[in-house]
Amino acid sequence: LETSGKYWAAEKVEGGVRNISNQLSITTKIDREHPELKEYA
């Protein structure tokens, strides 16, 4: 789960390894999102 203000995107991990570290890493595979995420962008 990664956030930007009240906006957010979540990706279900399907395999492999993942890490987070003070930057956004979710790109185009978004499994859940803030309902206004794209409209705000």
All heavy atoms as atom14 arrays in JSON, in Angstrom:
{
  "sequence": "LETSGKYWAAEKVEGGVRNISNQLSITTKIDREHPELKEYA",
  "atom14_mask": [
    [1, 1, 1, 1, 1, 1, 1, 1, 0, 0, 0, 0, 0, 0],
    [1, 1, 1, 1, 1, 1, 1, 1, 1, 0, 0, 0, 0, 0],
    [1, 1, 1, 1, 1, 1, 1, 0, 0, 0, 0, 0, 0, 0],
    [1, 1, 1, 1, 1, 1, 0, 0, 0, 0, 0, 0, 0, 0],
    [1, 1, 1, 1, 0, 0, 0, 0, 0, 0, 0, 0, 0, 0],
    [1, 1, 1, 1, 1, 1, 1, 1, 1, 0, 0, 0, 0, 0],
    [1, 1, 1, 1, 1, 1, 1, 1, 1, 1, 1, 1, 0, 0],
    [1, 1, 1, 1, 1, 1, 1, 1, 1, 1, 1, 1, 1, 1],
    [1, 1, 1, 1, 1, 0, 0, 0, 0, 0, 0, 0, 0, 0],
    [1, 1, 1, 1, 1, 0, 0, 0, 0, 0, 0, 0, 0, 0],
    [1, 1, 1, 1, 1, 1, 1, 1, 1, 0, 0, 0, 0, 0],
    [1, 1, 1, 1, 1, 1, 1, 1, 1, 0, 0, 0, 0, 0],
    [1, 1, 1, 1, 1, 1, 1, 0, 0, 0, 0, 0, 0, 0],
    [1, 1, 1, 1, 1, 1, 1, 1, 1, 0, 0, 0, 0, 0],
    [1, 1, 1, 1, 0, 0, 0, 0, 0, 0, 0, 0, 0, 0],
    [1, 1, 1, 1, 0, 0, 0, 0, 0, 0, 0, 0, 0, 0],
    [1, 1, 1, 1, 1, 1, 1, 0, 0, 0, 0, 0, 0, 0],
    [1, 1, 1, 1, 1, 1, 1, 1, 1, 1, 1, 0, 0, 0],
    [1, 1, 1, 1, 1, 1, 1, 1, 0, 0, 0, 0, 0, 0],
    [1, 1, 1, 1, 1, 1, 1, 1, 0, 0, 0, 0, 0, 0],
    [1, 1, 1, 1, 1, 1, 0, 0, 0, 0, 0, 0, 0, 0],
    [1, 1, 1, 1, 1, 1, 1, 1, 0, 0, 0, 0, 0, 0],
    [1, 1, 1, 1, 1, 1, 1, 1, 1, 0, 0, 0, 0, 0],
    [1, 1, 1, 1, 1, 1, 1, 1, 0, 0, 0, 0, 0, 0],
    [1, 1, 1, 1, 1, 1, 0, 0, 0, 0, 0, 0, 0, 0],
    [1, 1, 1, 1, 1, 1, 1, 1, 0, 0, 0, 0, 0, 0],
    [1, 1, 1, 1, 1, 1, 1, 0, 0, 0, 0, 0, 0, 0],
    [1, 1, 1, 1, 1, 1, 1, 0, 0, 0, 0, 0, 0, 0],
    [1, 1, 1, 1, 1, 1, 1, 1, 1, 0, 0, 0, 0, 0],
    [1, 1, 1, 1, 1, 1, 1, 1, 0, 0, 0, 0, 0, 0],
    [1, 1, 1, 1, 1, 1, 1, 1, 0, 0, 0, 0, 0, 0],
    [1, 1, 1, 1, 1, 1, 1, 1, 1, 1, 1, 0, 0, 0],
    [1, 1, 1, 1, 1, 1, 1, 1, 1, 0, 0, 0, 0, 0],
    [1, 1, 1, 1, 1, 1, 1, 1, 1, 1, 0, 0, 0, 0],
    [1, 1, 1, 1, 1, 1, 1, 0, 0, 0, 0, 0, 0, 0],
    [1, 1, 1, 1, 1, 1, 1, 1, 1, 0, 0, 0, 0, 0],
    [1, 1, 1, 1, 1, 1, 1, 1, 0, 0, 0, 0, 0, 0],
    [1, 1, 1, 1, 1, 1, 1, 1, 1, 0, 0, 0, 0, 0],
    [1, 1, 1, 1, 1, 1, 1, 1, 1, 0, 0, 0, 0, 0],
    [1, 1, 1, 1, 1, 1, 1, 1, 1, 1, 1, 1, 0, 0],
    [1, 1, 1, 1, 1, 0, 0, 0, 0, 0, 0, 0, 0, 0]
  ],
  "atom14_positions": [
    [[0.87, -1.18, 0.0], [0.0, 0.0, 0.0], [0.9, 1.22, 0.0], [1.79, 1.34, 0.84], [-0.9, 0.01, 1.23], [-1.67, 1.3, 1.52], [-2.65, 1.63, 0.4], [-2.37, 1.22, 2.87], [0.0, 0.0, 0.0], [0.0, 0.0, 0.0], [0.0, 0.0, 0.0], [0.0, 0.0, 0.0], [0.0, 0.0, 0.0], [0.0, 0.0, 0.0]],
    [[0.67, 2.12, -0.96], [1.44, 3.36, -1.03], [0.49, 4.53, -1.1], [-0.58, 4.44, -1.7], [2.39, 3.32, -2.23], [3.42, 2.22, -2.07], [4.4, 2.1, -3.21], [4.1, 2.52, -4.34], [5.49, 1.58, -2.96], [0.0, 0.0, 0.0], [0.0, 0.0, 0.0], [0.0, 0.0, 0.0], [0.0, 0.0, 0.0], [0.0, 0.0, 0.0]],
    [[0.91, 5.64, -0.47], [0.01, 6.78, -0.32], [0.65, 8.07, -0.83], [1.87, 8.21, -0.87], [-0.38, 6.98, 1.15], [0.77, 7.39, 1.89], [-0.94, 5.7, 1.76], [0.0, 0.0, 0.0], [0.0, 0.0, 0.0], [0.0, 0.0, 0.0], [0.0, 0.0, 0.0], [0.0, 0.0, 0.0], [0.0, 0.0, 0.0], [0.0, 0.0, 0.0]],
    [[-0.23, 9.0, -1.18], [0.17, 10.35, -1.52], [-0.96, 11.25, -1.02], [-2.0, 11.35, -1.66], [0.36, 10.5, -3.03], [0.73, 11.82, -3.34], [0.0, 0.0, 0.0], [0.0, 0.0, 0.0], [0.0, 0.0, 0.0], [0.0, 0.0, 0.0], [0.0, 0.0, 0.0], [0.0, 0.0, 0.0], [0.0, 0.0, 0.0], [0.0, 0.0, 0.0]],
    [[-0.74, 11.86, 0.13], [-1.83, 12.6, 0.76], [-2.94, 11.63, 1.11], [-2.7, 10.57, 1.67], [0.0, 0.0, 0.0], [0.0, 0.0, 0.0], [0.0, 0.0, 0.0], [0.0, 0.0, 0.0], [0.0, 0.0, 0.0], [0.0, 0.0, 0.0], [0.0, 0.0, 0.0], [0.0, 0.0, 0.0], [0.0, 0.0, 0.0], [0.0, 0.0, 0.0]],
    [[-4.18, 11.94, 0.73], [-5.28, 11.02, 1.0], [-5.44, 9.98, -0.11], [-6.23, 9.06, 0.0], [-6.58, 11.79, 1.2], [-7.18, 12.37, -0.07], [-8.54, 12.98, 0.21], [-9.23, 13.4, -1.07], [-10.59, 13.84, -0.84], [0.0, 0.0, 0.0], [0.0, 0.0, 0.0], [0.0, 0.0, 0.0], [0.0, 0.0, 0.0], [0.0, 0.0, 0.0]],
    [[-4.68, 10.12, -1.18], [-4.79, 9.21, -2.32], [-3.86, 8.01, -2.11], [-2.81, 8.13, -1.5], [-4.48, 9.95, -3.62], [-5.46, 11.08, -3.82], [-5.13, 12.37, -3.45], [-6.73, 10.83, -4.31], [-6.04, 13.41, -3.58], [-7.65, 11.86, -4.45], [-7.31, 13.14, -4.08], [-8.22, 14.15, -4.2], [0.0, 0.0, 0.0], [0.0, 0.0, 0.0]],
    [[-4.27, 6.88, -2.65], [-3.51, 5.66, -2.41], [-3.73, 4.65, -3.53], [-4.7, 4.73, -4.28], [-3.9, 5.04, -1.07], [-5.38, 4.75, -0.95], [-6.34, 5.61, -0.49], [-6.07, 3.55, -1.32], [-7.58, 5.01, -0.55], [-7.44, 3.74, -1.06], [-5.66, 2.33, -1.85], [-8.4, 2.77, -1.29], [-6.61, 1.35, -2.09], [-7.97, 1.58, -1.8]],
    [[-2.78, 3.73, -3.62], [-2.87, 2.59, -4.54], [-2.35, 1.38, -3.8], [-1.44, 1.48, -2.98], [-2.05, 2.85, -5.81], [0.0, 0.0, 0.0], [0.0, 0.0, 0.0], [0.0, 0.0, 0.0], [0.0, 0.0, 0.0], [0.0, 0.0, 0.0], [0.0, 0.0, 0.0], [0.0, 0.0, 0.0], [0.0, 0.0, 0.0], [0.0, 0.0, 0.0]],
    [[-2.94, 0.22, -4.09], [-2.52, -1.03, -3.45], [-2.32, -2.1, -4.51], [-3.09, -2.2, -5.46], [-3.56, -1.47, -2.42], [0.0, 0.0, 0.0], [0.0, 0.0, 0.0], [0.0, 0.0, 0.0], [0.0, 0.0, 0.0], [0.0, 0.0, 0.0], [0.0, 0.0, 0.0], [0.0, 0.0, 0.0], [0.0, 0.0, 0.0], [0.0, 0.0, 0.0]],
    [[-1.29, -2.87, -4.3], [-0.97, -3.98, -5.21], [-0.89, -5.27, -4.42], [-0.18, -5.35, -3.42], [0.37, -3.72, -5.9], [0.8, -4.83, -6.81], [2.18, -4.61, -7.41], [2.69, -3.46, -7.37], [2.75, -5.58, -7.9], [0.0, 0.0, 0.0], [0.0, 0.0, 0.0], [0.0, 0.0, 0.0], [0.0, 0.0, 0.0], [0.0, 0.0, 0.0]],
    [[-1.62, -6.27, -4.86], [-1.53, -7.59, -4.25], [-0.25, -8.25, -4.76], [0.0, -8.28, -5.96], [-2.75, -8.44, -4.61], [-2.8, -9.75, -3.88], [-4.09, -10.48, -4.16], [-4.13, -11.77, -3.37], [-5.38, -12.5, -3.61], [0.0, 0.0, 0.0], [0.0, 0.0, 0.0], [0.0, 0.0, 0.0], [0.0, 0.0, 0.0], [0.0, 0.0, 0.0]],
    [[0.56, -8.74, -3.84], [1.82, -9.39, -4.21], [1.5, -10.81, -4.65], [0.95, -11.59, -3.89], [2.82, -9.37, -3.04], [4.11, -10.07, -3.42], [3.08, -7.95, -2.57], [0.0, 0.0, 0.0], [0.0, 0.0, 0.0], [0.0, 0.0, 0.0], [0.0, 0.0, 0.0], [0.0, 0.0, 0.0], [0.0, 0.0, 0.0], [0.0, 0.0, 0.0]],
    [[1.83, -11.11, -5.89], [1.5, -12.43, -6.46], [2.67, -13.4, -6.39], [2.51, -14.57, -6.66], [1.05, -12.27, -7.91], [-0.15, -11.36, -8.09], [-1.46, -11.92, -7.53], [-1.53, -13.13, -7.22], [-2.41, -11.13, -7.4], [0.0, 0.0, 0.0], [0.0, 0.0, 0.0], [0.0, 0.0, 0.0], [0.0, 0.0, 0.0], [0.0, 0.0, 0.0]],
    [[3.86, -12.93, -6.07], [5.03, -13.8, -5.98], [6.3, -12.99, -5.98], [6.27, -11.77, -6.11], [0.0, 0.0, 0.0], [0.0, 0.0, 0.0], [0.0, 0.0, 0.0], [0.0, 0.0, 0.0], [0.0, 0.0, 0.0], [0.0, 0.0, 0.0], [0.0, 0.0, 0.0], [0.0, 0.0, 0.0], [0.0, 0.0, 0.0], [0.0, 0.0, 0.0]],
    [[7.41, -13.67, -5.84], [8.7, -12.97, -5.85], [8.95, -12.23, -4.55], [8.48, -12.64, -3.5], [0.0, 0.0, 0.0], [0.0, 0.0, 0.0], [0.0, 0.0, 0.0], [0.0, 0.0, 0.0], [0.0, 0.0, 0.0], [0.0, 0.0, 0.0], [0.0, 0.0, 0.0], [0.0, 0.0, 0.0], [0.0, 0.0, 0.0], [0.0, 0.0, 0.0]],
    [[9.68, -11.15, -4.64], [10.01, -10.33, -3.48], [9.57, -8.9, -3.74], [9.5, -8.46, -4.89], [11.52, -10.38, -3.15], [11.95, -11.78, -2.75], [12.36, -9.89, -4.32], [0.0, 0.0, 0.0], [0.0, 0.0, 0.0], [0.0, 0.0, 0.0], [0.0, 0.0, 0.0], [0.0, 0.0, 0.0], [0.0, 0.0, 0.0], [0.0, 0.0, 0.0]],
    [[9.28, -8.16, -2.68], [8.92, -6.74, -2.78], [9.54, -6.01, -1.62], [9.71, -6.55, -0.54], [7.4, -6.55, -2.71], [6.65, -6.93, -3.96], [7.03, -6.08, -5.18], [6.9, -4.66, -4.98], [5.81, -3.95, -5.24], [4.74, -4.55, -5.72], [5.78, -2.65, -5.03], [0.0, 0.0, 0.0], [0.0, 0.0, 0.0], [0.0, 0.0, 0.0]],
    [[9.87, -4.76, -1.85], [10.33, -3.91, -0.77], [9.77, -2.51, -0.97], [9.3, -2.16, -2.05], [11.86, -3.91, -0.68], [12.56, -3.23, -1.84], [12.12, -3.31, -2.97], [13.67, -2.59, -1.56], [0.0, 0.0, 0.0], [0.0, 0.0, 0.0], [0.0, 0.0, 0.0], [0.0, 0.0, 0.0], [0.0, 0.0, 0.0], [0.0, 0.0, 0.0]],
    [[9.8, -1.74, 0.09], [9.4, -0.34, 0.04], [10.52, 0.46, 0.69], [11.21, -0.04, 1.58], [8.06, -0.09, 0.78], [8.11, -0.6, 2.22], [6.91, -0.74, 0.02], [6.89, -0.27, 3.05], [0.0, 0.0, 0.0], [0.0, 0.0, 0.0], [0.0, 0.0, 0.0], [0.0, 0.0, 0.0], [0.0, 0.0, 0.0], [0.0, 0.0, 0.0]],
    [[10.71, 1.68, 0.22], [11.78, 2.48, 0.81], [11.68, 3.92, 0.36], [12.35, 4.35, -0.56], [13.15, 1.9, 0.42], [14.16, 2.59, 1.12], [0.0, 0.0, 0.0], [0.0, 0.0, 0.0], [0.0, 0.0, 0.0], [0.0, 0.0, 0.0], [0.0, 0.0, 0.0], [0.0, 0.0, 0.0], [0.0, 0.0, 0.0], [0.0, 0.0, 0.0]],
    [[10.82, 4.68, 1.0], [10.73, 6.13, 0.83], [10.56, 6.59, -0.61], [11.04, 7.65, -0.98], [11.94, 6.82, 1.46], [11.97, 6.63, 2.95], [11.86, 5.52, 3.44], [12.09, 7.71, 3.68], [0.0, 0.0, 0.0], [0.0, 0.0, 0.0], [0.0, 0.0, 0.0], [0.0, 0.0, 0.0], [0.0, 0.0, 0.0], [0.0, 0.0, 0.0]],
    [[9.91, 5.8, -1.42], [9.53, 6.22, -2.75], [8.41, 5.3, -3.22], [8.23, 4.21, -2.68], [10.71, 6.17, -3.72], [11.21, 4.77, -4.01], [12.46, 4.81, -4.87], [13.42, 5.49, -4.52], [12.46, 4.1, -5.96], [0.0, 0.0, 0.0], [0.0, 0.0, 0.0], [0.0, 0.0, 0.0], [0.0, 0.0, 0.0], [0.0, 0.0, 0.0]],
    [[7.66, 5.75, -4.19], [6.57, 4.93, -4.7], [7.12, 3.85, -5.61], [8.02, 4.1, -6.41], [5.57, 5.82, -5.45], [4.91, 6.92, -4.61], [4.01, 7.78, -5.48], [4.14, 6.33, -3.43], [0.0, 0.0, 0.0], [0.0, 0.0, 0.0], [0.0, 0.0, 0.0], [0.0, 0.0, 0.0], [0.0, 0.0, 0.0], [0.0, 0.0, 0.0]],
    [[6.56, 2.65, -5.5], [7.02, 1.53, -6.33], [5.89, 0.88, -7.1], [6.15, 0.06, -7.98], [7.73, 0.49, -5.47], [6.82, -0.11, -4.57], [0.0, 0.0, 0.0], [0.0, 0.0, 0.0], [0.0, 0.0, 0.0], [0.0, 0.0, 0.0], [0.0, 0.0, 0.0], [0.0, 0.0, 0.0], [0.0, 0.0, 0.0], [0.0, 0.0, 0.0]],
    [[4.65, 1.2, -6.77], [3.51, 0.63, -7.51], [3.4, 1.4, -8.83], [3.26, 2.61, -8.84], [2.21, 0.73, -6.7], [2.31, -0.13, -5.43], [1.01, 0.3, -7.56], [1.13, 0.02, -4.49], [0.0, 0.0, 0.0], [0.0, 0.0, 0.0], [0.0, 0.0, 0.0], [0.0, 0.0, 0.0], [0.0, 0.0, 0.0], [0.0, 0.0, 0.0]],
    [[3.45, 0.67, -9.92], [3.41, 1.33, -11.23], [2.03, 1.1, -11.87], [1.08, 1.79, -11.53], [4.56, 0.85, -12.13], [4.5, -0.58, -12.26], [5.91, 1.26, -11.56], [0.0, 0.0, 0.0], [0.0, 0.0, 0.0], [0.0, 0.0, 0.0], [0.0, 0.0, 0.0], [0.0, 0.0, 0.0], [0.0, 0.0, 0.0], [0.0, 0.0, 0.0]],
    [[1.9, 0.15, -12.78], [0.64, -0.05, -13.52], [-0.21, -1.19, -12.97], [-1.37, -1.29, -13.31], [0.92, -0.3, -15.01], [1.76, -1.45, -15.13], [1.62, 0.92, -15.63], [0.0, 0.0, 0.0], [0.0, 0.0, 0.0], [0.0, 0.0, 0.0], [0.0, 0.0, 0.0], [0.0, 0.0, 0.0], [0.0, 0.0, 0.0], [0.0, 0.0, 0.0]],
    [[0.35, -2.06, -12.13], [-0.44, -3.14, -11.54], [-1.06, -2.62, -10.24], [-0.42, -2.61, -9.2], [0.41, -4.38, -11.27], [-0.41, -5.55, -10.73], [0.48, -6.73, -10.35], [-0.3, -7.89, -9.8], [-1.07, -7.62, -8.59], [0.0, 0.0, 0.0], [0.0, 0.0, 0.0], [0.0, 0.0, 0.0], [0.0, 0.0, 0.0], [0.0, 0.0, 0.0]],
    [[-2.28, -2.16, -10.35], [-3.0, -1.61, -9.2], [-4.24, -2.47, -8.99], [-5.09, -2.57, -9.86], [-3.39, -0.13, -9.43], [-2.13, 0.7, -9.68], [-4.19, 0.4, -8.26], [-2.4, 2.12, -10.12], [0.0, 0.0, 0.0], [0.0, 0.0, 0.0], [0.0, 0.0, 0.0], [0.0, 0.0, 0.0], [0.0, 0.0, 0.0], [0.0, 0.0, 0.0]],
    [[-4.33, -3.09, -7.82], [-5.45, -3.98, -7.54], [-6.57, -3.3, -6.76], [-7.72, -3.71, -6.85], [-4.95, -5.23, -6.8], [-4.0, -6.03, -7.66], [-4.42, -6.49, -8.73], [-2.83, -6.2, -7.26], [0.0, 0.0, 0.0], [0.0, 0.0, 0.0], [0.0, 0.0, 0.0], [0.0, 0.0, 0.0], [0.0, 0.0, 0.0], [0.0, 0.0, 0.0]],
    [[-6.23, -2.29, -5.99], [-7.22, -1.45, -5.31], [-6.69, -0.03, -5.32], [-5.48, 0.18, -5.29], [-7.47, -1.92, -3.87], [-8.21, -3.24, -3.81], [-8.58, -3.66, -2.4], [-9.31, -2.63, -1.7], [-9.58, -2.67, -0.38], [-9.19, -3.69, 0.35], [-10.24, -1.69, 0.2], [0.0, 0.0, 0.0], [0.0, 0.0, 0.0], [0.0, 0.0, 0.0]],
    [[-7.6, 0.96, -5.34], [-7.15, 2.35, -5.39], [-8.19, 3.27, -4.79], [-9.37, 2.92, -4.68], [-6.87, 2.76, -6.83], [-8.11, 2.77, -7.7], [-7.8, 2.94, -9.18], [-7.02, 2.15, -9.71], [-8.36, 3.87, -9.78], [0.0, 0.0, 0.0], [0.0, 0.0, 0.0], [0.0, 0.0, 0.0], [0.0, 0.0, 0.0], [0.0, 0.0, 0.0]],
    [[-7.74, 4.45, -4.41], [-8.65, 5.49, -3.96], [-9.63, 5.76, -5.1], [-9.21, 5.84, -6.27], [-7.86, 6.75, -3.61], [-8.69, 7.85, -3.05], [-9.48, 8.66, -3.84], [-8.88, 8.26, -1.78], [-10.11, 9.54, -3.07], [-9.75, 9.31, -1.82], [0.0, 0.0, 0.0], [0.0, 0.0, 0.0], [0.0, 0.0, 0.0], [0.0, 0.0, 0.0]],
    [[-10.91, 5.92, -4.81], [-11.89, 6.08, -5.89], [-11.68, 7.31, -6.78], [-12.14, 7.33, -7.92], [-13.24, 6.15, -5.16], [-12.92, 6.37, -3.73], [-11.53, 5.9, -3.49], [0.0, 0.0, 0.0], [0.0, 0.0, 0.0], [0.0, 0.0, 0.0], [0.0, 0.0, 0.0], [0.0, 0.0, 0.0], [0.0, 0.0, 0.0], [0.0, 0.0, 0.0]],
    [[-10.96, 8.3, -6.3], [-10.71, 9.51, -7.09], [-9.26, 9.64, -7.53], [-8.83, 10.7, -8.0], [-11.12, 10.75, -6.28], [-12.6, 10.74, -5.9], [-12.92, 11.78, -4.83], [-12.05, 12.6, -4.49], [-14.06, 11.74, -4.33], [0.0, 0.0, 0.0], [0.0, 0.0, 0.0], [0.0, 0.0, 0.0], [0.0, 0.0, 0.0], [0.0, 0.0, 0.0]],
    [[-8.47, 8.57, -7.4], [-7.04, 8.61, -7.69], [-6.74, 9.12, -9.09], [-5.95, 10.06, -9.27], [-6.45, 7.2, -7.51], [-4.97, 7.05, -7.8], [-4.14, 7.66, -6.67], [-4.61, 5.58, -7.98], [0.0, 0.0, 0.0], [0.0, 0.0, 0.0], [0.0, 0.0, 0.0], [0.0, 0.0, 0.0], [0.0, 0.0, 0.0], [0.0, 0.0, 0.0]],
    [[-7.38, 8.54, -10.08], [-7.08, 8.9, -11.47], [-7.69, 10.25, -11.84], [-7.06, 11.04, -12.55], [-7.57, 7.8, -12.41], [-6.78, 6.51, -12.24], [-7.33, 5.38, -13.08], [-6.55, 4.11, -12.8], [-7.19, 2.93, -13.36], [0.0, 0.0, 0.0], [0.0, 0.0, 0.0], [0.0, 0.0, 0.0], [0.0, 0.0, 0.0], [0.0, 0.0, 0.0]],
    [[-8.88, 10.52, -11.35], [-9.53, 11.8, -11.67], [-8.73, 12.96, -11.08], [-8.58, 14.0, -11.71], [-10.97, 11.81, -11.14], [-11.78, 12.97, -11.63], [-11.82, 13.1, -13.16], [-11.97, 12.09, -13.85], [-11.67, 14.24, -13.64], [0.0, 0.0, 0.0], [0.0, 0.0, 0.0], [0.0, 0.0, 0.0], [0.0, 0.0, 0.0], [0.0, 0.0, 0.0]],
    [[-8.19, 12.79, -9.87], [-7.37, 13.83, -9.26], [-6.11, 14.07, -10.08], [-5.71, 15.22, -10.3], [-7.02, 13.45, -7.81], [-6.27, 14.52, -7.07], [-6.89, 15.69, -6.67], [-4.91, 14.35, -6.78], [-6.18, 16.68, -5.99], [-4.21, 15.33, -6.09], [-4.85, 16.49, -5.71], [-4.14, 17.46, -5.04], [0.0, 0.0, 0.0], [0.0, 0.0, 0.0]],
    [[-5.5, 13.0, -10.56], [-4.29, 13.13, -11.4], [-4.63, 13.86, -12.7], [-3.87, 14.72, -13.14], [-3.7, 11.76, -11.68], [0.0, 0.0, 0.0], [0.0, 0.0, 0.0], [0.0, 0.0, 0.0], [0.0, 0.0, 0.0], [0.0, 0.0, 0.0], [0.0, 0.0, 0.0], [0.0, 0.0, 0.0], [0.0, 0.0, 0.0], [0.0, 0.0, 0.0]]
  ]
}
